[in-house]
Amino acid sequence: MWWQVTVQAIRRDLQFRSQAATTLLTSIVELGLALVPVLILASVAGTASGWSAPLALAVSGAYGISAAVLDCFVGPNCARMDRYIREGELDLLLMRPVRTGFLAAVRWVAPSELAAMVPSAGLLVIGLRLADVQPDTASVALAVGWALVGVVAFALLWLNLSYSAFWMDGSEPVPFVVLSLRTAGRYPRSYFPQPARVVLATAIPAGLLGAVPVEALLGDGSVGLLAVAALGLLGAGGLTALHWSIALRRYSGAST
């Protein structure tokens, strides 16, 4: 079913082919503007933290790739959660012969958002080249693993925050809050104090989107720690499913 909704989304985007080009251009502009504070911090804190400007650019590029995946597959669904509940659209999902929590989390896909991966990947490669870093195959695989863990972990956080619409009159500010929290993943973790680093790797896993994958590319990574993080995701996924089940009991439908 997930594959079918993805194919449908691709067909929908192909009806407006200029949208992909516009999204790509917009992502390049946004990436350029976002690099300004990164470069400023790199010039001020780079020497003290041990992270040069090229490595800070690499972190920003890795973050952009992960953020594009989230904006494609997770953001559109979380943004609609408030409307599902307040306007009663959730009724239509409950009537279908599929797990409602799964359908609400994957129904909408925005393939054009993946265009942002192109300039971000280029920035990642350029940053590594300027820093004279040539990761081996094992480091690349470990970095990809951390990036996947980070994307899933942040997706679960985003979903749980969007479920607040069940408990409050509305959750319209949630996307803005989530995107603000996610921005912290654009910077190396060494730019933050130790307590913030712990938070960015656990409760608010924005650090796993960019900084930790680049650390793995630099050879500073552990397969065992990645395995522990993957097991933690299983527990977080179970808690998210439980949260949905409890929250769904508060839903009274469009007729009340």
C-alpha atoms as a PDB file:
ATOM      1  CA  MET A   1       0.000   0.000   0.000  1.00  0.00           C
ATOM      2  CA  TRP A   2       2.873   2.376   0.817  1.00  0.00           C
ATOM      3  CA  TRP A   3       4.336   1.734  -2.608  1.00  0.00           C
ATOM      4  CA  GLN A   4       0.999   2.489  -4.255  1.00  0.00           C
ATOM      5  CA  VAL A   5       0.594   5.845  -2.513  1.00  0.00           C
ATOM      6  CA  THR A   6       4.186   6.683  -3.478  1.00  0.00           C
ATOM      7  CA  VAL A   7       3.536   5.860  -7.143  1.00  0.00           C
ATOM      8  CA  GLN A   8       0.358   7.919  -7.017  1.00  0.00           C
ATOM      9  CA  ALA A   9       2.302  10.861  -5.558  1.00  0.00           C
ATOM     10  CA  ILE A  10       4.913  10.630  -8.326  1.00  0.00           C
ATOM     11  CA  ARG A  11       2.174  10.664 -10.964  1.00  0.00           C
ATOM     12  CA  ARG A  12       0.591  13.653  -9.258  1.00  0.00           C
ATOM     13  CA  ASP A  13       3.888  15.556  -9.277  1.00  0.00           C
ATOM     14  CA  LEU A  14       4.515  14.679 -12.929  1.00  0.00           C
ATOM     15  CA  GLN A  15       1.349  16.560 -13.837  1.00  0.00           C
ATOM     16  CA  PHE A  16       3.188  19.712 -12.734  1.00  0.00           C
ATOM     17  CA  ARG A  17       6.752  19.029 -13.866  1.00  0.00           C
ATOM     18  CA  SER A  18       7.841  22.608 -13.323  1.00  0.00           C
ATOM     19  CA  GLN A  19       7.209  22.061  -9.602  1.00  0.00           C
ATOM     20  CA  ALA A  20      10.277  19.822  -9.319  1.00  0.00           C
ATOM     21  CA  ALA A  21      12.492  22.482 -10.912  1.00  0.00           C
ATOM     22  CA  THR A  22      10.980  25.174  -8.696  1.00  0.00           C
ATOM     23  CA  THR A  23      11.517  23.031  -5.594  1.00  0.00           C
ATOM     24  CA  LEU A  24      15.122  22.381  -6.592  1.00  0.00           C
ATOM     25  CA  LEU A  25      15.762  26.100  -7.111  1.00  0.00           C
ATOM     26  CA  THR A  26      14.087  26.934  -3.811  1.00  0.00           C
ATOM     27  CA  SER A  27      16.125  24.307  -1.973  1.00  0.00           C
ATOM     28  CA  ILE A  28      19.353  25.734  -3.400  1.00  0.00           C
ATOM     29  CA  VAL A  29      18.415  29.233  -2.219  1.00  0.00           C
ATOM     30  CA  GLU A  30      17.374  27.960   1.216  1.00  0.00           C
ATOM     31  CA  LEU A  31      20.567  25.935   1.502  1.00  0.00           C
ATOM     32  CA  GLY A  32      22.652  28.983   0.646  1.00  0.00           C
ATOM     33  CA  LEU A  33      20.872  31.118   3.246  1.00  0.00           C
ATOM     34  CA  ALA A  34      21.180  28.376   5.866  1.00  0.00           C
ATOM     35  CA  LEU A  35      24.934  28.184   5.310  1.00  0.00           C
ATOM     36  CA  VAL A  36      25.425  31.757   6.526  1.00  0.00           C
ATOM     37  CA  PRO A  37      25.032  31.005  10.273  1.00  0.00           C
ATOM     38  CA  VAL A  38      26.908  27.715   9.828  1.00  0.00           C
ATOM     39  CA  LEU A  39      29.929  29.493   8.353  1.00  0.00           C
ATOM     40  CA  ILE A  40      29.773  32.226  10.986  1.00  0.00           C
ATOM     41  CA  LEU A  41      29.788  29.675  13.802  1.00  0.00           C
ATOM     42  CA  ALA A  42      32.516  27.703  12.053  1.00  0.00           C
ATOM     43  CA  SER A  43      34.734  30.774  11.909  1.00  0.00           C
ATOM     44  CA  VAL A  44      34.117  31.574  15.569  1.00  0.00           C
ATOM     45  CA  ALA A  45      33.953  28.138  17.197  1.00  0.00           C
ATOM     46  CA  GLY A  46      35.642  25.948  14.593  1.00  0.00           C
ATOM     47  CA  THR A  47      39.157  26.096  16.027  1.00  0.00           C
ATOM     48  CA  ALA A  48      38.052  25.585  19.605  1.00  0.00           C
ATOM     49  CA  SER A  49      35.698  22.713  18.761  1.00  0.00           C
ATOM     50  CA  GLY A  50      38.031  20.945  16.368  1.00  0.00           C
ATOM     51  CA  TRP A  51      35.595  21.229  13.445  1.00  0.00           C
ATOM     52  CA  SER A  52      36.785  23.216  10.468  1.00  0.00           C
ATOM     53  CA  ALA A  53      34.512  25.123   8.098  1.00  0.00           C
ATOM     54  CA  PRO A  54      34.642  22.351   5.421  1.00  0.00           C
ATOM     55  CA  LEU A  55      33.531  19.741   7.954  1.00  0.00           C
ATOM     56  CA  ALA A  56      30.748  22.044   9.121  1.00  0.00           C
ATOM     57  CA  LEU A  57      29.636  22.276   5.482  1.00  0.00           C
ATOM     58  CA  ALA A  58      29.667  18.486   5.270  1.00  0.00           C
ATOM     59  CA  VAL A  59      27.405  18.269   8.331  1.00  0.00           C
ATOM     60  CA  SER A  60      25.018  20.766   6.761  1.00  0.00           C
ATOM     61  CA  GLY A  61      24.966  18.699   3.554  1.00  0.00           C
ATOM     62  CA  ALA A  62      24.270  15.445   5.401  1.00  0.00           C
ATOM     63  CA  TYR A  63      21.539  17.191   7.360  1.00  0.00           C
ATOM     64  CA  GLY A  64      19.970  18.447   4.123  1.00  0.00           C
ATOM     65  CA  ILE A  65      19.749  14.911   2.732  1.00  0.00           C
ATOM     66  CA  SER A  66      18.011  13.602   5.855  1.00  0.00           C
ATOM     67  CA  ALA A  67      15.722  16.636   6.028  1.00  0.00           C
ATOM     68  CA  ALA A  68      14.660  16.106   2.403  1.00  0.00           C
ATOM     69  CA  VAL A  69      13.640  12.522   3.181  1.00  0.00           C
ATOM     70  CA  LEU A  70      11.626  13.690   6.195  1.00  0.00           C
ATOM     71  CA  ASP A  71       9.945  16.463   4.214  1.00  0.00           C
ATOM     72  CA  CYS A  72       9.026  13.957   1.495  1.00  0.00           C
ATOM     73  CA  PHE A  73       7.618  11.082   3.525  1.00  0.00           C
ATOM     74  CA  VAL A  74       6.839  12.390   7.024  1.00  0.00           C
ATOM     75  CA  GLY A  75       6.124  16.118   6.928  1.00  0.00           C
ATOM     76  CA  PRO A  76       3.062  16.007   4.632  1.00  0.00           C
ATOM     77  CA  ASN A  77       1.316  13.496   6.887  1.00  0.00           C
ATOM     78  CA  CYS A  78       2.135  15.214  10.177  1.00  0.00           C
ATOM     79  CA  ALA A  79       0.991  18.544   8.743  1.00  0.00           C
ATOM     80  CA  ARG A  80      -2.422  17.037   7.980  1.00  0.00           C
ATOM     81  CA  MET A  81      -2.931  15.402  11.377  1.00  0.00           C
ATOM     82  CA  ASP A  82      -4.539  18.508  12.862  1.00  0.00           C
ATOM     83  CA  ARG A  83      -7.027  18.705   9.984  1.00  0.00           C
ATOM     84  CA  TYR A  84      -7.768  14.980  10.204  1.00  0.00           C
ATOM     85  CA  ILE A  85      -8.939  15.442  13.772  1.00  0.00           C
ATOM     86  CA  ARG A  86     -10.515  18.897  13.821  1.00  0.00           C
ATOM     87  CA  GLU A  87     -12.418  18.530  10.534  1.00  0.00           C
ATOM     88  CA  GLY A  88     -13.302  14.866  10.953  1.00  0.00           C
ATOM     89  CA  GLU A  89     -11.289  13.587   7.959  1.00  0.00           C
ATOM     90  CA  LEU A  90     -10.039  10.807  10.200  1.00  0.00           C
ATOM     91  CA  ASP A  91     -13.470   9.191   9.779  1.00  0.00           C
ATOM     92  CA  LEU A  92     -12.599   8.350   6.171  1.00  0.00           C
ATOM     93  CA  LEU A  93      -9.397   6.642   7.273  1.00  0.00           C
ATOM     94  CA  LEU A  94     -11.126   4.666  10.012  1.00  0.00           C
ATOM     95  CA  MET A  95     -13.553   3.234   7.468  1.00  0.00           C
ATOM     96  CA  ARG A  96     -10.803   1.642   5.387  1.00  0.00           C
ATOM     97  CA  PRO A  97      -9.621  -1.952   5.921  1.00  0.00           C
ATOM     98  CA  VAL A  98      -6.082  -1.016   6.983  1.00  0.00           C
ATOM     99  CA  ARG A  99      -4.388   0.020  10.218  1.00  0.00           C
ATOM    100  CA  THR A 100      -5.389   3.658  10.635  1.00  0.00           C
ATOM    101  CA  GLY A 101      -2.184   4.703  12.390  1.00  0.00           C
ATOM    102  CA  PHE A 102      -0.100   3.371   9.514  1.00  0.00           C
ATOM    103  CA  LEU A 103      -2.317   4.967   6.865  1.00  0.00           C
ATOM    104  CA  ALA A 104      -2.313   8.343   8.626  1.00  0.00           C
ATOM    105  CA  ALA A 105       1.486   8.240   8.813  1.00  0.00           C
ATOM    106  CA  VAL A 106       2.246   7.317   5.184  1.00  0.00           C
ATOM    107  CA  ARG A 107      -0.770   8.377   3.100  1.00  0.00           C
ATOM    108  CA  TRP A 108       0.769  11.531   1.635  1.00  0.00           C
ATOM    109  CA  VAL A 109       4.145  11.695  -0.097  1.00  0.00           C
ATOM    110  CA  ALA A 110       5.815  14.757  -1.657  1.00  0.00           C
ATOM    111  CA  PRO A 111       8.428  13.416  -4.133  1.00  0.00           C
ATOM    112  CA  SER A 112       9.405  16.908  -5.268  1.00  0.00           C
ATOM    113  CA  GLU A 113      10.950  17.535  -1.836  1.00  0.00           C
ATOM    114  CA  LEU A 114      13.638  14.978  -2.686  1.00  0.00           C
ATOM    115  CA  ALA A 115      15.071  17.512  -5.135  1.00  0.00           C
ATOM    116  CA  ALA A 116      16.767  19.134  -2.124  1.00  0.00           C
ATOM    117  CA  MET A 117      18.974  16.050  -1.840  1.00  0.00           C
ATOM    118  CA  VAL A 118      20.916  17.085  -4.971  1.00  0.00           C
ATOM    119  CA  PRO A 119      22.515  20.321  -3.666  1.00  0.00           C
ATOM    120  CA  SER A 120      22.840  18.813  -0.184  1.00  0.00           C
ATOM    121  CA  ALA A 121      24.740  15.776  -1.489  1.00  0.00           C
ATOM    122  CA  GLY A 122      26.976  18.115  -3.469  1.00  0.00           C
ATOM    123  CA  LEU A 123      27.674  20.153  -0.342  1.00  0.00           C
ATOM    124  CA  LEU A 124      28.515  16.980   1.589  1.00  0.00           C
ATOM    125  CA  VAL A 125      30.995  15.828  -1.058  1.00  0.00           C
ATOM    126  CA  ILE A 126      32.578  19.275  -1.393  1.00  0.00           C
ATOM    127  CA  GLY A 127      32.958  19.610   2.369  1.00  0.00           C
ATOM    128  CA  LEU A 128      34.663  16.215   2.661  1.00  0.00           C
ATOM    129  CA  ARG A 129      36.946  16.987  -0.269  1.00  0.00           C
ATOM    130  CA  LEU A 130      37.995  20.348   1.171  1.00  0.00           C
ATOM    131  CA  ALA A 131      38.662  18.680   4.516  1.00  0.00           C
ATOM    132  CA  ASP A 132      40.708  16.009   2.718  1.00  0.00           C
ATOM    133  CA  VAL A 133      38.548  13.205   4.101  1.00  0.00           C
ATOM    134  CA  GLN A 134      38.344   9.976   2.107  1.00  0.00           C
ATOM    135  CA  PRO A 135      36.054   7.573   4.008  1.00  0.00           C
ATOM    136  CA  ASP A 136      36.290   3.849   3.347  1.00  0.00           C
ATOM    137  CA  THR A 137      33.376   1.569   2.550  1.00  0.00           C
ATOM    138  CA  ALA A 138      32.819   0.572   6.179  1.00  0.00           C
ATOM    139  CA  SER A 139      32.640   4.210   7.291  1.00  0.00           C
ATOM    140  CA  VAL A 140      30.163   5.044   4.531  1.00  0.00           C
ATOM    141  CA  ALA A 141      27.948   2.093   5.504  1.00  0.00           C
ATOM    142  CA  LEU A 142      28.061   3.143   9.152  1.00  0.00           C
ATOM    143  CA  ALA A 143      27.194   6.731   8.219  1.00  0.00           C
ATOM    144  CA  VAL A 144      24.214   5.559   6.145  1.00  0.00           C
ATOM    145  CA  GLY A 145      23.060   3.425   9.072  1.00  0.00           C
ATOM    146  CA  TRP A 146      23.209   6.382  11.450  1.00  0.00           C
ATOM    147  CA  ALA A 147      21.377   8.572   8.950  1.00  0.00           C
ATOM    148  CA  LEU A 148      18.575   5.999   8.657  1.00  0.00           C
ATOM    149  CA  VAL A 149      18.330   5.736  12.437  1.00  0.00           C
ATOM    150  CA  GLY A 150      18.212   9.515  12.689  1.00  0.00           C
ATOM    151  CA  VAL A 151      15.478   9.857  10.065  1.00  0.00           C
ATOM    152  CA  VAL A 152      13.295   7.194  11.688  1.00  0.00           C
ATOM    153  CA  ALA A 153      13.893   8.550  15.192  1.00  0.00           C
ATOM    154  CA  PHE A 154      13.011  12.100  14.209  1.00  0.00           C
ATOM    155  CA  ALA A 155       9.992  10.851  12.256  1.00  0.00           C
ATOM    156  CA  LEU A 156       8.700   9.141  15.398  1.00  0.00           C
ATOM    157  CA  LEU A 157       9.223  12.357  17.389  1.00  0.00           C
ATOM    158  CA  TRP A 158       7.355  14.328  14.718  1.00  0.00           C
ATOM    159  CA  LEU A 159       4.464  11.860  14.713  1.00  0.00           C
ATOM    160  CA  ASN A 160       4.130  11.889  18.500  1.00  0.00           C
ATOM    161  CA  LEU A 161       4.087  15.677  18.575  1.00  0.00           C
ATOM    162  CA  SER A 162       1.462  15.773  15.817  1.00  0.00           C
ATOM    163  CA  TYR A 163      -0.735  13.469  17.919  1.00  0.00           C
ATOM    164  CA  SER A 164      -1.076  16.353  20.374  1.00  0.00           C
ATOM    165  CA  ALA A 165      -4.033  17.415  18.214  1.00  0.00           C
ATOM    166  CA  PHE A 166      -6.007  14.696  20.011  1.00  0.00           C
ATOM    167  CA  TRP A 167      -5.314  16.301  23.374  1.00  0.00           C
ATOM    168  CA  MET A 168      -5.578  19.986  22.505  1.00  0.00           C
ATOM    169  CA  ASP A 169      -7.930  22.170  20.502  1.00  0.00           C
ATOM    170  CA  GLY A 170      -5.364  22.277  17.703  1.00  0.00           C
ATOM    171  CA  SER A 171      -1.752  21.499  16.887  1.00  0.00           C
ATOM    172  CA  GLU A 172      -1.086  24.016  14.124  1.00  0.00           C
ATOM    173  CA  PRO A 173       2.127  25.324  15.777  1.00  0.00           C
ATOM    174  CA  VAL A 174       3.626  21.818  15.909  1.00  0.00           C
ATOM    175  CA  PRO A 175       5.236  21.887  12.415  1.00  0.00           C
ATOM    176  CA  PHE A 176       6.956  25.193  13.190  1.00  0.00           C
ATOM    177  CA  VAL A 177       8.218  23.868  16.529  1.00  0.00           C
ATOM    178  CA  VAL A 178       9.469  20.643  14.938  1.00  0.00           C
ATOM    179  CA  LEU A 179      11.284  22.442  12.128  1.00  0.00           C
ATOM    180  CA  SER A 180      12.896  24.793  14.638  1.00  0.00           C
ATOM    181  CA  LEU A 181      14.120  21.850  16.714  1.00  0.00           C
ATOM    182  CA  ARG A 182      15.340  20.057  13.603  1.00  0.00           C
ATOM    183  CA  THR A 183      17.520  23.007  12.584  1.00  0.00           C
ATOM    184  CA  ALA A 184      19.920  22.152  15.418  1.00  0.00           C
ATOM    185  CA  GLY A 185      20.984  19.123  13.374  1.00  0.00           C
ATOM    186  CA  ARG A 186      22.622  21.411  10.824  1.00  0.00           C
ATOM    187  CA  TYR A 187      25.573  22.076  13.138  1.00  0.00           C
ATOM    188  CA  PRO A 188      28.351  19.837  14.519  1.00  0.00           C
ATOM    189  CA  ARG A 189      27.514  18.529  17.961  1.00  0.00           C
ATOM    190  CA  SER A 190      30.728  19.983  19.381  1.00  0.00           C
ATOM    191  CA  TYR A 191      29.195  23.454  18.970  1.00  0.00           C
ATOM    192  CA  PHE A 192      26.761  22.628  21.785  1.00  0.00           C
ATOM    193  CA  PRO A 193      27.367  22.044  25.511  1.00  0.00           C
ATOM    194  CA  GLN A 194      27.450  18.446  26.688  1.00  0.00           C
ATOM    195  CA  PRO A 195      23.842  18.326  28.030  1.00  0.00           C
ATOM    196  CA  ALA A 196      22.544  19.614  24.685  1.00  0.00           C
ATOM    197  CA  ARG A 197      24.568  16.968  22.835  1.00  0.00           C
ATOM    198  CA  VAL A 198      22.867  14.240  24.841  1.00  0.00           C
ATOM    199  CA  VAL A 199      19.445  15.702  24.089  1.00  0.00           C
ATOM    200  CA  LEU A 200      20.234  15.999  20.375  1.00  0.00           C
ATOM    201  CA  ALA A 201      21.131  12.313  20.284  1.00  0.00           C
ATOM    202  CA  THR A 202      18.175  11.025  22.311  1.00  0.00           C
ATOM    203  CA  ALA A 203      15.005  12.991  23.096  1.00  0.00           C
ATOM    204  CA  ILE A 204      15.364  15.356  20.129  1.00  0.00           C
ATOM    205  CA  PRO A 205      17.476  13.280  17.701  1.00  0.00           C
ATOM    206  CA  ALA A 206      18.322  16.150  15.351  1.00  0.00           C
ATOM    207  CA  GLY A 207      22.022  15.452  15.863  1.00  0.00           C
ATOM    208  CA  LEU A 208      21.596  12.055  14.221  1.00  0.00           C
ATOM    209  CA  LEU A 209      20.485  13.685  10.975  1.00  0.00           C
ATOM    210  CA  GLY A 210      23.797  15.291  10.064  1.00  0.00           C
ATOM    211  CA  ALA A 211      26.514  15.460  12.714  1.00  0.00           C
ATOM    212  CA  VAL A 212      26.657  11.798  13.751  1.00  0.00           C
ATOM    213  CA  PRO A 213      26.726  10.448  10.156  1.00  0.00           C
ATOM    214  CA  VAL A 214      29.635  12.791   9.336  1.00  0.00           C
ATOM    215  CA  GLU A 215      31.400  11.690  12.517  1.00  0.00           C
ATOM    216  CA  ALA A 216      31.055   8.131  11.220  1.00  0.00           C
ATOM    217  CA  LEU A 217      32.599   9.200   7.897  1.00  0.00           C
ATOM    218  CA  LEU A 218      35.548  10.553   9.871  1.00  0.00           C
ATOM    219  CA  GLY A 219      36.024   7.130  11.458  1.00  0.00           C
ATOM    220  CA  ASP A 220      34.494   8.079  14.797  1.00  0.00           C
ATOM    221  CA  GLY A 221      31.695   5.537  14.968  1.00  0.00           C
ATOM    222  CA  SER A 222      30.718   2.279  16.609  1.00  0.00           C
ATOM    223  CA  VAL A 223      28.729  -0.560  15.085  1.00  0.00           C
ATOM    224  CA  GLY A 224      27.711  -1.698  18.565  1.00  0.00           C
ATOM    225  CA  LEU A 225      26.325   1.718  19.451  1.00  0.00           C
ATOM    226  CA  LEU A 226      24.424   1.788  16.157  1.00  0.00           C
ATOM    227  CA  ALA A 227      22.898  -1.600  16.993  1.00  0.00           C
ATOM    228  CA  VAL A 228      21.810  -0.296  20.397  1.00  0.00           C
ATOM    229  CA  ALA A 229      20.245   2.750  18.737  1.00  0.00           C
ATOM    230  CA  ALA A 230      18.384   0.507  16.285  1.00  0.00           C
ATOM    231  CA  LEU A 231      16.992  -1.550  19.168  1.00  0.00           C
ATOM    232  CA  GLY A 232      15.949   1.676  20.863  1.00  0.00           C
ATOM    233  CA  LEU A 233      13.980   2.564  17.752  1.00  0.00           C
ATOM    234  CA  LEU A 234      11.948  -0.614  18.133  1.00  0.00           C
ATOM    235  CA  GLY A 235      10.946   0.470  21.616  1.00  0.00           C
ATOM    236  CA  ALA A 236      10.190   3.997  20.426  1.00  0.00           C
ATOM    237  CA  GLY A 237       8.059   2.604  17.620  1.00  0.00           C
ATOM    238  CA  GLY A 238       6.081   0.535  20.111  1.00  0.00           C
ATOM    239  CA  LEU A 239       5.504   3.566  22.314  1.00  0.00           C
ATOM    240  CA  THR A 240       4.377   5.576  19.287  1.00  0.00           C
ATOM    241  CA  ALA A 241       1.850   2.872  18.371  1.00  0.00           C
ATOM    242  CA  LEU A 242       0.621   2.852  21.980  1.00  0.00           C
ATOM    243  CA  HIS A 243       0.345   6.653  21.954  1.00  0.00           C
ATOM    244  CA  TRP A 244      -1.769   6.490  18.790  1.00  0.00           C
ATOM    245  CA  SER A 245      -4.023   3.821  20.273  1.00  0.00           C
ATOM    246  CA  ILE A 246      -4.621   5.822  23.458  1.00  0.00           C
ATOM    247  CA  ALA A 247      -5.094   9.094  21.602  1.00  0.00           C
ATOM    248  CA  LEU A 248      -7.546   7.549  19.138  1.00  0.00           C
ATOM    249  CA  ARG A 249      -9.910   6.816  22.021  1.00  0.00           C
ATOM    250  CA  ARG A 250     -10.391  10.554  22.454  1.00  0.00           C
ATOM    251  CA  TYR A 251     -11.529  10.995  18.879  1.00  0.00           C
ATOM    252  CA  SER A 252     -15.279  11.526  18.704  1.00  0.00           C
ATOM    253  CA  GLY A 253     -15.728  11.783  14.926  1.00  0.00           C
ATOM    254  CA  ALA A 254     -16.958  14.508  12.640  1.00  0.00           C
ATOM    255  CA  SER A 255     -20.536  14.327  13.839  1.00  0.00           C
ATOM    256  CA  THR A 256     -19.873  15.568  17.398  1.00  0.00           C
END
